[in-house]
Protein backbone atom coordinates (compact mmCIF):
# COMPACT_ATOMS: atom_id res chain seq x y z
CA UNK A 1 0.00 0.00 0.00
CA UNK A 2 1.50 3.28 -1.10
CA UNK A 3 -0.47 6.01 0.69
CA UNK A 4 -3.76 4.81 -0.78
CA UNK A 5 -6.45 7.46 -0.54
CA UNK A 6 -10.02 6.29 -0.13
CA UNK A 7 -12.49 8.68 -1.71
CA UNK A 8 -13.64 11.00 1.09
CA UNK A 9 -12.84 8.42 3.76
CA UNK A 10 -11.68 9.54 7.17
CA UNK A 11 -8.26 8.37 8.38
CA UNK A 12 -9.80 6.04 10.95
CA UNK A 13 -11.27 4.04 8.08
CA UNK A 14 -8.09 3.70 6.03
CA UNK A 15 -4.39 3.01 6.49
CA UNK A 16 -2.08 6.00 6.82
CA UNK A 17 1.16 4.39 5.77
CA UNK A 18 3.13 4.44 2.56
CA UNK A 19 6.32 3.11 1.07
CA UNK A 20 8.18 6.29 2.07
CA UNK A 21 8.22 7.95 5.48
CA UNK A 22 7.51 11.42 4.04
CA UNK A 23 4.18 10.61 2.33
CA UNK A 24 0.66 10.24 3.65
CA UNK A 25 -2.86 10.05 2.22
CA UNK A 26 -4.84 13.24 1.75
CA UNK A 27 -7.31 13.99 4.53
CA UNK A 28 -11.01 14.39 3.70
CA UNK A 29 -10.63 18.18 4.07
CA UNK A 30 -7.70 18.18 1.63
CA UNK A 31 -9.64 16.03 -0.85
CA UNK A 32 -12.60 18.41 -0.69
CA UNK A 33 -10.35 21.42 -1.30
CA UNK A 34 -8.66 19.71 -4.25
CA UNK A 35 -12.01 18.72 -5.76
CA UNK A 36 -13.39 22.25 -5.32
CA UNK A 37 -10.46 23.76 -7.21
CA UNK A 38 -10.91 21.05 -9.84
CA UNK A 39 -14.54 22.10 -10.29
CA UNK A 40 -13.40 25.67 -10.95
CA UNK A 41 -10.84 24.46 -13.47
CA UNK A 42 -13.55 22.82 -15.58
CA UNK A 43 -14.58 26.32 -16.75
CA UNK A 44 -11.62 28.56 -15.90
CA UNK A 45 -8.15 28.24 -17.38
CA UNK A 46 -5.38 27.87 -14.81
CA UNK A 47 -3.91 31.27 -15.75
CA UNK A 48 -7.26 33.11 -15.91
CA UNK A 49 -7.86 36.17 -13.71
CA UNK A 50 -10.24 34.18 -11.50
CA UNK A 51 -7.72 31.40 -10.89
CA UNK A 52 -4.86 33.85 -10.35
CA UNK A 53 -6.99 35.57 -7.71
CA UNK A 54 -7.77 32.16 -6.21
CA UNK A 55 -4.08 31.61 -5.51
CA UNK A 56 -4.11 34.71 -3.32
CA UNK A 57 -7.47 34.20 -1.56
CA UNK A 58 -9.51 31.20 -2.71
CA UNK A 59 -12.26 31.72 -0.13
CA UNK A 60 -12.86 35.27 -1.41
CA UNK A 61 -13.09 33.98 -4.98
CA UNK A 62 -15.64 31.36 -3.89
CA UNK A 63 -17.74 34.05 -2.20
CA UNK A 64 -17.89 35.90 -5.54
CA UNK A 65 -18.84 32.77 -7.53
CA UNK A 66 -21.72 33.24 -9.92
CA UNK A 67 -24.86 31.11 -9.97
CA UNK A 68 -23.56 29.21 -13.01
CA UNK A 69 -20.46 28.11 -11.09
CA UNK A 70 -20.62 24.47 -10.06
CA UNK A 71 -19.04 24.89 -6.63
CA UNK A 72 -19.42 21.66 -4.63
CA UNK A 73 -21.21 21.80 -1.30
CA UNK A 74 -19.63 19.55 1.33
CA UNK A 75 -21.42 18.25 4.40
C-alpha atoms as a PDB file:
ATOM      1  CA  UNK A   1       0.000   0.000   0.000  1.00  0.00           C
ATOM      2  CA  UNK A   2       1.503   3.276  -1.103  1.00  0.00           C
ATOM      3  CA  UNK A   3      -0.468   6.008   0.690  1.00  0.00           C
ATOM      4  CA  UNK A   4      -3.762   4.809  -0.779  1.00  0.00           C
ATOM      5  CA  UNK A   5      -6.446   7.456  -0.543  1.00  0.00           C
ATOM      6  CA  UNK A   6     -10.016   6.285  -0.129  1.00  0.00           C
ATOM      7  CA  UNK A   7     -12.489   8.679  -1.709  1.00  0.00           C
ATOM      8  CA  UNK A   8     -13.637  11.002   1.088  1.00  0.00           C
ATOM      9  CA  UNK A   9     -12.841   8.417   3.755  1.00  0.00           C
ATOM     10  CA  UNK A  10     -11.680   9.535   7.167  1.00  0.00           C
ATOM     11  CA  UNK A  11      -8.262   8.375   8.380  1.00  0.00           C
ATOM     12  CA  UNK A  12      -9.798   6.044  10.954  1.00  0.00           C
ATOM     13  CA  UNK A  13     -11.267   4.038   8.078  1.00  0.00           C
ATOM     14  CA  UNK A  14      -8.091   3.701   6.034  1.00  0.00           C
ATOM     15  CA  UNK A  15      -4.393   3.006   6.486  1.00  0.00           C
ATOM     16  CA  UNK A  16      -2.083   5.999   6.821  1.00  0.00           C
ATOM     17  CA  UNK A  17       1.160   4.392   5.772  1.00  0.00           C
ATOM     18  CA  UNK A  18       3.134   4.437   2.565  1.00  0.00           C
ATOM     19  CA  UNK A  19       6.323   3.107   1.067  1.00  0.00           C
ATOM     20  CA  UNK A  20       8.178   6.294   2.068  1.00  0.00           C
ATOM     21  CA  UNK A  21       8.220   7.950   5.483  1.00  0.00           C
ATOM     22  CA  UNK A  22       7.510  11.420   4.035  1.00  0.00           C
ATOM     23  CA  UNK A  23       4.181  10.605   2.329  1.00  0.00           C
ATOM     24  CA  UNK A  24       0.657  10.238   3.650  1.00  0.00           C
ATOM     25  CA  UNK A  25      -2.858  10.047   2.219  1.00  0.00           C
ATOM     26  CA  UNK A  26      -4.844  13.245   1.746  1.00  0.00           C
ATOM     27  CA  UNK A  27      -7.306  13.991   4.530  1.00  0.00           C
ATOM     28  CA  UNK A  28     -11.005  14.390   3.700  1.00  0.00           C
ATOM     29  CA  UNK A  29     -10.626  18.180   4.071  1.00  0.00           C
ATOM     30  CA  UNK A  30      -7.704  18.176   1.633  1.00  0.00           C
ATOM     31  CA  UNK A  31      -9.635  16.026  -0.847  1.00  0.00           C
ATOM     32  CA  UNK A  32     -12.599  18.410  -0.686  1.00  0.00           C
ATOM     33  CA  UNK A  33     -10.353  21.425  -1.300  1.00  0.00           C
ATOM     34  CA  UNK A  34      -8.664  19.709  -4.247  1.00  0.00           C
ATOM     35  CA  UNK A  35     -12.015  18.718  -5.761  1.00  0.00           C
ATOM     36  CA  UNK A  36     -13.392  22.248  -5.321  1.00  0.00           C
ATOM     37  CA  UNK A  37     -10.458  23.757  -7.208  1.00  0.00           C
ATOM     38  CA  UNK A  38     -10.913  21.046  -9.840  1.00  0.00           C
ATOM     39  CA  UNK A  39     -14.543  22.099 -10.290  1.00  0.00           C
ATOM     40  CA  UNK A  40     -13.400  25.668 -10.947  1.00  0.00           C
ATOM     41  CA  UNK A  41     -10.843  24.460 -13.474  1.00  0.00           C
ATOM     42  CA  UNK A  42     -13.549  22.820 -15.582  1.00  0.00           C
ATOM     43  CA  UNK A  43     -14.578  26.316 -16.748  1.00  0.00           C
ATOM     44  CA  UNK A  44     -11.619  28.565 -15.896  1.00  0.00           C
ATOM     45  CA  UNK A  45      -8.148  28.243 -17.380  1.00  0.00           C
ATOM     46  CA  UNK A  46      -5.385  27.874 -14.806  1.00  0.00           C
ATOM     47  CA  UNK A  47      -3.912  31.268 -15.745  1.00  0.00           C
ATOM     48  CA  UNK A  48      -7.264  33.105 -15.914  1.00  0.00           C
ATOM     49  CA  UNK A  49      -7.858  36.173 -13.714  1.00  0.00           C
ATOM     50  CA  UNK A  50     -10.242  34.181 -11.497  1.00  0.00           C
ATOM     51  CA  UNK A  51      -7.725  31.403 -10.891  1.00  0.00           C
ATOM     52  CA  UNK A  52      -4.861  33.850 -10.355  1.00  0.00           C
ATOM     53  CA  UNK A  53      -6.991  35.574  -7.707  1.00  0.00           C
ATOM     54  CA  UNK A  54      -7.768  32.159  -6.208  1.00  0.00           C
ATOM     55  CA  UNK A  55      -4.084  31.608  -5.510  1.00  0.00           C
ATOM     56  CA  UNK A  56      -4.112  34.713  -3.321  1.00  0.00           C
ATOM     57  CA  UNK A  57      -7.472  34.202  -1.563  1.00  0.00           C
ATOM     58  CA  UNK A  58      -9.509  31.202  -2.712  1.00  0.00           C
ATOM     59  CA  UNK A  59     -12.263  31.724  -0.134  1.00  0.00           C
ATOM     60  CA  UNK A  60     -12.858  35.270  -1.409  1.00  0.00           C
ATOM     61  CA  UNK A  61     -13.089  33.980  -4.981  1.00  0.00           C
ATOM     62  CA  UNK A  62     -15.639  31.358  -3.888  1.00  0.00           C
ATOM     63  CA  UNK A  63     -17.744  34.049  -2.204  1.00  0.00           C
ATOM     64  CA  UNK A  64     -17.887  35.899  -5.539  1.00  0.00           C
ATOM     65  CA  UNK A  65     -18.835  32.774  -7.527  1.00  0.00           C
ATOM     66  CA  UNK A  66     -21.721  33.236  -9.920  1.00  0.00           C
ATOM     67  CA  UNK A  67     -24.860  31.107  -9.973  1.00  0.00           C
ATOM     68  CA  UNK A  68     -23.558  29.208 -13.014  1.00  0.00           C
ATOM     69  CA  UNK A  69     -20.462  28.107 -11.092  1.00  0.00           C
ATOM     70  CA  UNK A  70     -20.620  24.469 -10.056  1.00  0.00           C
ATOM     71  CA  UNK A  71     -19.044  24.894  -6.628  1.00  0.00           C
ATOM     72  CA  UNK A  72     -19.419  21.657  -4.633  1.00  0.00           C
ATOM     73  CA  UNK A  73     -21.211  21.803  -1.300  1.00  0.00           C
ATOM     74  CA  UNK A  74     -19.632  19.550   1.327  1.00  0.00           C
ATOM     75  CA  UNK A  75     -21.424  18.249   4.404  1.00  0.00           C
END
